[in-house]
Amino acid sequence: QIIVVEGLHDKQAVDNAVQAEVWVLGGDRLAGHLLGELKRAAAWRGVLILTDPDGPGERIRARVSAAIPTCQHAFLSRSSARSQDGKRIGVEFASADDIREALREARVSTEGRPSEREFSLADMQSAGLVDDPQAALRRTIMGQLLRIGYANAKSFLRKLNALGVTRQEWEQAIGGLNGELQRRESEKGTKPNEQ
């Protein structure tokens, strides 16, 4: 498989984590000829996309995915791809272990193939992923647990269905979401001992 990343530093991070062929897209300047080469390569090698967990990374992912519907998607959480100073986000800042885990958990896109939609807006509402004061936080946590990355509500629903998330994975992630929210709430209520 060919792993596709945005920049040279991302390639270096992936090279440090795994032995694989890694192609650099060049960020937002993604050239049409490179997409053509990737399409040809995908026919015999397969393509796995690993972009930064930010807006530009998602736009690049969408562009490559539209050109190569059979590609796989690997996602890093924003927290695992954050620079030490906390100001930047990118694959280049992720640990080798986090990169290996993201690649291991990659999902095949089912977008464009005839299939029934597993999830609906009602599922999102019942999980508090929309129409809830904590909806963005809940989507962030669910995206990490399901390994599909963060997205706004509309894109999150599309990802759930396009990346083949199963009902069983959904239920397990809901349990993890509730546990994580409880943990965060109890941390808020716990104060250091006053002396």
C-alpha atoms as a PDB file:
ATOM      1  CA  GLN A   1       0.000   0.000   0.000  1.00  0.00           C
ATOM      2  CA  ILE A   2       1.017   3.573  -0.605  1.00  0.00           C
ATOM      3  CA  ILE A   3       0.616   5.879   2.379  1.00  0.00           C
ATOM      4  CA  VAL A   4      -0.278   9.424   1.342  1.00  0.00           C
ATOM      5  CA  VAL A   5       0.678  12.366   3.584  1.00  0.00           C
ATOM      6  CA  GLU A   6       0.630  16.141   3.205  1.00  0.00           C
ATOM      7  CA  GLY A   7       4.252  17.206   3.660  1.00  0.00           C
ATOM      8  CA  LEU A   8       7.875  16.094   3.917  1.00  0.00           C
ATOM      9  CA  HIS A   9       7.948  16.265   7.718  1.00  0.00           C
ATOM     10  CA  ASP A  10       4.857  14.045   7.814  1.00  0.00           C
ATOM     11  CA  LYS A  11       6.673  11.583   5.545  1.00  0.00           C
ATOM     12  CA  GLN A  12       9.661  11.552   7.895  1.00  0.00           C
ATOM     13  CA  ALA A  13       7.407  10.799  10.862  1.00  0.00           C
ATOM     14  CA  VAL A  14       5.709   7.931   8.998  1.00  0.00           C
ATOM     15  CA  ASP A  15       9.084   6.605   7.789  1.00  0.00           C
ATOM     16  CA  ASN A  16      10.235   6.539  11.430  1.00  0.00           C
ATOM     17  CA  ALA A  17       7.126   4.576  12.418  1.00  0.00           C
ATOM     18  CA  VAL A  18       6.757   1.996   9.632  1.00  0.00           C
ATOM     19  CA  GLN A  19       8.503   0.641   6.586  1.00  0.00           C
ATOM     20  CA  ALA A  20       6.265   1.585   3.667  1.00  0.00           C
ATOM     21  CA  GLU A  21       6.134   3.601   0.490  1.00  0.00           C
ATOM     22  CA  VAL A  22       5.049   7.122   1.416  1.00  0.00           C
ATOM     23  CA  TRP A  23       3.976   9.759  -1.107  1.00  0.00           C
ATOM     24  CA  VAL A  24       3.943  13.472  -0.289  1.00  0.00           C
ATOM     25  CA  LEU A  25       1.017  15.468  -1.634  1.00  0.00           C
ATOM     26  CA  GLY A  26       2.448  18.918  -1.015  1.00  0.00           C
ATOM     27  CA  GLY A  27      -0.389  20.212   1.139  1.00  0.00           C
ATOM     28  CA  ASP A  28      -3.122  22.352  -0.399  1.00  0.00           C
ATOM     29  CA  ARG A  29      -1.113  22.616  -3.612  1.00  0.00           C
ATOM     30  CA  LEU A  30      -2.136  19.071  -4.553  1.00  0.00           C
ATOM     31  CA  ALA A  31      -1.284  18.767  -8.242  1.00  0.00           C
ATOM     32  CA  GLY A  32      -3.669  17.150 -10.708  1.00  0.00           C
ATOM     33  CA  HIS A  33      -0.893  15.009 -12.206  1.00  0.00           C
ATOM     34  CA  LEU A  34      -0.153  13.561  -8.755  1.00  0.00           C
ATOM     35  CA  LEU A  35      -3.803  12.558  -8.354  1.00  0.00           C
ATOM     36  CA  GLY A  36      -3.594  10.808 -11.722  1.00  0.00           C
ATOM     37  CA  GLU A  37      -0.491   8.908 -10.622  1.00  0.00           C
ATOM     38  CA  LEU A  38      -2.204   7.945  -7.363  1.00  0.00           C
ATOM     39  CA  LYS A  39      -5.246   6.661  -9.263  1.00  0.00           C
ATOM     40  CA  ARG A  40      -3.029   4.412 -11.372  1.00  0.00           C
ATOM     41  CA  ALA A  41      -1.115   3.206  -8.313  1.00  0.00           C
ATOM     42  CA  ALA A  42      -4.348   2.553  -6.399  1.00  0.00           C
ATOM     43  CA  ALA A  43      -5.401   0.032  -9.036  1.00  0.00           C
ATOM     44  CA  TRP A  44      -2.559  -2.291  -8.119  1.00  0.00           C
ATOM     45  CA  ARG A  45      -1.209  -1.153  -4.725  1.00  0.00           C
ATOM     46  CA  GLY A  46      -3.956   0.507  -2.772  1.00  0.00           C
ATOM     47  CA  VAL A  47      -3.815   3.953  -1.205  1.00  0.00           C
ATOM     48  CA  LEU A  48      -4.069   4.874   2.469  1.00  0.00           C
ATOM     49  CA  ILE A  49      -4.602   8.534   3.392  1.00  0.00           C
ATOM     50  CA  LEU A  50      -3.071   9.955   6.587  1.00  0.00           C
ATOM     51  CA  THR A  51      -3.547  13.724   6.726  1.00  0.00           C
ATOM     52  CA  ASP A  52      -3.343  16.253   9.527  1.00  0.00           C
ATOM     53  CA  PRO A  53      -6.418  16.315  11.805  1.00  0.00           C
ATOM     54  CA  ASP A  54      -7.346  19.854  10.821  1.00  0.00           C
ATOM     55  CA  GLY A  55      -9.446  21.656   8.217  1.00  0.00           C
ATOM     56  CA  PRO A  56      -6.861  21.676   5.411  1.00  0.00           C
ATOM     57  CA  GLY A  57      -6.073  18.008   6.094  1.00  0.00           C
ATOM     58  CA  GLU A  58      -9.745  17.076   5.806  1.00  0.00           C
ATOM     59  CA  ARG A  59     -10.083  19.034   2.549  1.00  0.00           C
ATOM     60  CA  ILE A  60      -7.080  17.219   1.085  1.00  0.00           C
ATOM     61  CA  ARG A  61      -8.475  13.880   2.300  1.00  0.00           C
ATOM     62  CA  ALA A  62     -11.814  14.658   0.638  1.00  0.00           C
ATOM     63  CA  ARG A  63     -10.121  15.562  -2.638  1.00  0.00           C
ATOM     64  CA  VAL A  64      -8.031  12.373  -2.745  1.00  0.00           C
ATOM     65  CA  SER A  65     -11.000  10.267  -1.627  1.00  0.00           C
ATOM     66  CA  ALA A  66     -13.176  11.734  -4.380  1.00  0.00           C
ATOM     67  CA  ALA A  67     -10.536  10.783  -6.949  1.00  0.00           C
ATOM     68  CA  ILE A  68      -9.855   7.355  -5.403  1.00  0.00           C
ATOM     69  CA  PRO A  69     -13.054   6.067  -3.756  1.00  0.00           C
ATOM     70  CA  THR A  70     -11.420   2.745  -2.802  1.00  0.00           C
ATOM     71  CA  CYS A  71      -8.743   4.346  -0.627  1.00  0.00           C
ATOM     72  CA  GLN A  72      -8.333   3.631   3.059  1.00  0.00           C
ATOM     73  CA  HIS A  73      -8.437   6.301   5.742  1.00  0.00           C
ATOM     74  CA  ALA A  74      -6.207   6.495   8.825  1.00  0.00           C
ATOM     75  CA  PHE A  75      -6.893   9.156  11.436  1.00  0.00           C
ATOM     76  CA  LEU A  76      -4.855  10.671  14.237  1.00  0.00           C
ATOM     77  CA  SER A  77      -6.556  12.474  17.092  1.00  0.00           C
ATOM     78  CA  ARG A  78      -5.838  16.172  17.428  1.00  0.00           C
ATOM     79  CA  SER A  79      -4.248  15.551  20.827  1.00  0.00           C
ATOM     80  CA  SER A  80      -1.823  12.920  19.487  1.00  0.00           C
ATOM     81  CA  ALA A  81      -0.816  15.169  16.567  1.00  0.00           C
ATOM     82  CA  ARG A  82      -0.196  18.348  18.576  1.00  0.00           C
ATOM     83  CA  SER A  83       3.250  19.964  18.737  1.00  0.00           C
ATOM     84  CA  GLN A  84       5.016  20.181  22.090  1.00  0.00           C
ATOM     85  CA  ASP A  85       4.246  23.881  22.364  1.00  0.00           C
ATOM     86  CA  GLY A  86       0.576  23.063  21.672  1.00  0.00           C
ATOM     87  CA  LYS A  87       0.298  25.630  18.890  1.00  0.00           C
ATOM     88  CA  ARG A  88       0.465  23.407  15.807  1.00  0.00           C
ATOM     89  CA  ILE A  89      -1.181  20.193  14.643  1.00  0.00           C
ATOM     90  CA  GLY A  90       0.233  17.703  12.166  1.00  0.00           C
ATOM     91  CA  VAL A  91       1.181  14.110  11.465  1.00  0.00           C
ATOM     92  CA  GLU A  92       4.793  15.209  11.924  1.00  0.00           C
ATOM     93  CA  PHE A  93       4.195  15.726  15.671  1.00  0.00           C
ATOM     94  CA  ALA A  94       2.630  12.305  16.349  1.00  0.00           C
ATOM     95  CA  SER A  95       4.616   9.558  18.032  1.00  0.00           C
ATOM     96  CA  ALA A  96       5.642   6.475  16.070  1.00  0.00           C
ATOM     97  CA  ASP A  97       3.256   4.405  18.227  1.00  0.00           C
ATOM     98  CA  ASP A  98       0.312   6.704  17.468  1.00  0.00           C
ATOM     99  CA  ILE A  99       1.086   6.579  13.753  1.00  0.00           C
ATOM    100  CA  ARG A 100       1.333   2.774  13.782  1.00  0.00           C
ATOM    101  CA  GLU A 101      -1.970   2.526  15.648  1.00  0.00           C
ATOM    102  CA  ALA A 102      -3.696   4.900  13.215  1.00  0.00           C
ATOM    103  CA  LEU A 103      -2.429   2.867  10.247  1.00  0.00           C
ATOM    104  CA  ARG A 104      -3.468  -0.410  11.895  1.00  0.00           C
ATOM    105  CA  GLU A 105      -6.973   0.964  12.506  1.00  0.00           C
ATOM    106  CA  ALA A 106      -7.409   2.378   8.981  1.00  0.00           C
ATOM    107  CA  ARG A 107     -10.890   2.113   7.500  1.00  0.00           C
ATOM    108  CA  VAL A 108     -11.952   1.403   3.938  1.00  0.00           C
ATOM    109  CA  SER A 109     -14.332   3.928   2.463  1.00  0.00           C
ATOM    110  CA  THR A 110     -17.670   2.550   1.303  1.00  0.00           C
ATOM    111  CA  GLU A 111     -18.713   5.921  -0.075  1.00  0.00           C
ATOM    112  CA  GLY A 112     -20.157   5.707  -3.553  1.00  0.00           C
ATOM    113  CA  ARG A 113     -21.022   2.037  -3.184  1.00  0.00           C
ATOM    114  CA  PRO A 114     -24.622   0.931  -2.894  1.00  0.00           C
ATOM    115  CA  SER A 115     -25.332   0.309   0.769  1.00  0.00           C
ATOM    116  CA  GLU A 116     -27.882   1.129   3.373  1.00  0.00           C
ATOM    117  CA  ARG A 117     -27.095   3.942   5.714  1.00  0.00           C
ATOM    118  CA  GLU A 118     -26.365   2.427   9.084  1.00  0.00           C
ATOM    119  CA  PHE A 119     -26.645   5.700  10.989  1.00  0.00           C
ATOM    120  CA  SER A 120     -29.065   8.606  10.914  1.00  0.00           C
ATOM    121  CA  LEU A 121     -29.428  12.019  12.480  1.00  0.00           C
ATOM    122  CA  ALA A 122     -31.565  10.371  15.179  1.00  0.00           C
ATOM    123  CA  ASP A 123     -28.549   8.267  16.236  1.00  0.00           C
ATOM    124  CA  MET A 124     -26.446  11.400  16.436  1.00  0.00           C
ATOM    125  CA  GLN A 125     -29.108  13.180  18.504  1.00  0.00           C
ATOM    126  CA  SER A 126     -29.543  10.295  20.947  1.00  0.00           C
ATOM    127  CA  ALA A 127     -25.772  10.256  21.526  1.00  0.00           C
ATOM    128  CA  GLY A 128     -25.672  14.022  22.068  1.00  0.00           C
ATOM    129  CA  LEU A 129     -23.497  14.572  18.993  1.00  0.00           C
ATOM    130  CA  VAL A 130     -25.873  17.294  17.745  1.00  0.00           C
ATOM    131  CA  ASP A 131     -28.301  19.653  19.507  1.00  0.00           C
ATOM    132  CA  ASP A 132     -26.337  19.396  22.752  1.00  0.00           C
ATOM    133  CA  PRO A 133     -24.155  21.988  24.504  1.00  0.00           C
ATOM    134  CA  GLN A 134     -21.299  19.454  24.509  1.00  0.00           C
ATOM    135  CA  ALA A 135     -21.888  18.158  20.967  1.00  0.00           C
ATOM    136  CA  ALA A 136     -18.476  19.249  19.632  1.00  0.00           C
ATOM    137  CA  LEU A 137     -16.654  17.667  22.578  1.00  0.00           C
ATOM    138  CA  ARG A 138     -18.724  14.496  22.214  1.00  0.00           C
ATOM    139  CA  ARG A 139     -17.898  14.274  18.477  1.00  0.00           C
ATOM    140  CA  THR A 140     -14.212  14.782  19.265  1.00  0.00           C
ATOM    141  CA  ILE A 141     -14.228  11.893  21.734  1.00  0.00           C
ATOM    142  CA  MET A 142     -16.348   9.639  19.503  1.00  0.00           C
ATOM    143  CA  GLY A 143     -14.091  10.408  16.535  1.00  0.00           C
ATOM    144  CA  GLN A 144     -11.088   9.291  18.581  1.00  0.00           C
ATOM    145  CA  LEU A 145     -12.805   6.156  19.852  1.00  0.00           C
ATOM    146  CA  LEU A 146     -14.058   5.152  16.397  1.00  0.00           C
ATOM    147  CA  ARG A 147     -10.796   6.201  14.697  1.00  0.00           C
ATOM    148  CA  ILE A 148     -12.611   8.391  12.154  1.00  0.00           C
ATOM    149  CA  GLY A 149     -11.335  11.790  13.260  1.00  0.00           C
ATOM    150  CA  TYR A 150     -13.228  14.914  14.257  1.00  0.00           C
ATOM    151  CA  ALA A 151     -15.852  16.517  12.035  1.00  0.00           C
ATOM    152  CA  ASN A 152     -18.812  18.847  12.238  1.00  0.00           C
ATOM    153  CA  ALA A 153     -22.187  17.117  12.647  1.00  0.00           C
ATOM    154  CA  LYS A 154     -23.006  16.725   8.956  1.00  0.00           C
ATOM    155  CA  SER A 155     -19.542  15.434   8.057  1.00  0.00           C
ATOM    156  CA  PHE A 156     -19.452  13.156  11.096  1.00  0.00           C
ATOM    157  CA  LEU A 157     -22.663  11.439  10.003  1.00  0.00           C
ATOM    158  CA  ARG A 158     -21.252  11.043   6.494  1.00  0.00           C
ATOM    159  CA  LYS A 159     -18.032   9.547   7.919  1.00  0.00           C
ATOM    160  CA  LEU A 160     -19.962   7.090  10.093  1.00  0.00           C
ATOM    161  CA  ASN A 161     -21.695   5.686   7.033  1.00  0.00           C
ATOM    162  CA  ALA A 162     -18.875   6.086   4.497  1.00  0.00           C
ATOM    163  CA  LEU A 163     -16.194   4.471   6.646  1.00  0.00           C
ATOM    164  CA  GLY A 164     -18.213   1.403   7.553  1.00  0.00           C
ATOM    165  CA  VAL A 165     -18.638   1.945  11.281  1.00  0.00           C
ATOM    166  CA  THR A 166     -20.692  -0.947  12.634  1.00  0.00           C
ATOM    167  CA  ARG A 167     -23.495  -0.763  15.166  1.00  0.00           C
ATOM    168  CA  GLN A 168     -21.354  -2.798  17.585  1.00  0.00           C
ATOM    169  CA  GLU A 169     -18.456  -0.325  17.261  1.00  0.00           C
ATOM    170  CA  TRP A 170     -20.952   2.511  17.784  1.00  0.00           C
ATOM    171  CA  GLU A 171     -22.332   0.977  20.983  1.00  0.00           C
ATOM    172  CA  GLN A 172     -18.825   0.341  22.355  1.00  0.00           C
ATOM    173  CA  ALA A 173     -17.827   3.911  21.541  1.00  0.00           C
ATOM    174  CA  ILE A 174     -20.957   5.265  23.277  1.00  0.00           C
ATOM    175  CA  GLY A 175     -19.869   3.376  26.397  1.00  0.00           C
ATOM    176  CA  GLY A 176     -16.382   4.829  26.070  1.00  0.00           C
ATOM    177  CA  LEU A 177     -17.811   8.304  25.492  1.00  0.00           C
ATOM    178  CA  ASN A 178     -19.915   8.136  28.634  1.00  0.00           C
ATOM    179  CA  GLY A 179     -16.951   6.859  30.641  1.00  0.00           C
ATOM    180  CA  GLU A 180     -14.693   9.630  29.336  1.00  0.00           C
ATOM    181  CA  LEU A 181     -17.286  12.326  30.068  1.00  0.00           C
ATOM    182  CA  GLN A 182     -17.733  10.983  33.612  1.00  0.00           C
ATOM    183  CA  ARG A 183     -13.956  10.907  34.105  1.00  0.00           C
ATOM    184  CA  ARG A 184     -13.651  14.526  32.943  1.00  0.00           C
ATOM    185  CA  GLU A 185     -16.532  15.592  35.161  1.00  0.00           C
ATOM    186  CA  SER A 186     -15.011  13.919  38.230  1.00  0.00           C
ATOM    187  CA  GLU A 187     -11.644  15.567  37.492  1.00  0.00           C
ATOM    188  CA  LYS A 188     -13.378  18.948  37.442  1.00  0.00           C
ATOM    189  CA  GLY A 189     -14.942  18.269  40.827  1.00  0.00           C
ATOM    190  CA  THR A 190     -11.684  17.075  42.372  1.00  0.00           C
ATOM    191  CA  LYS A 191      -9.518  19.804  43.791  1.00  0.00           C
ATOM    192  CA  PRO A 192      -5.981  19.427  45.124  1.00  0.00           C
ATOM    193  CA  ASN A 193      -5.732  19.133  48.908  1.00  0.00           C
ATOM    194  CA  GLU A 194      -5.495  22.512  50.500  1.00  0.00           C
ATOM    195  CA  GLN A 195      -2.728  22.909  53.024  1.00  0.00           C
END
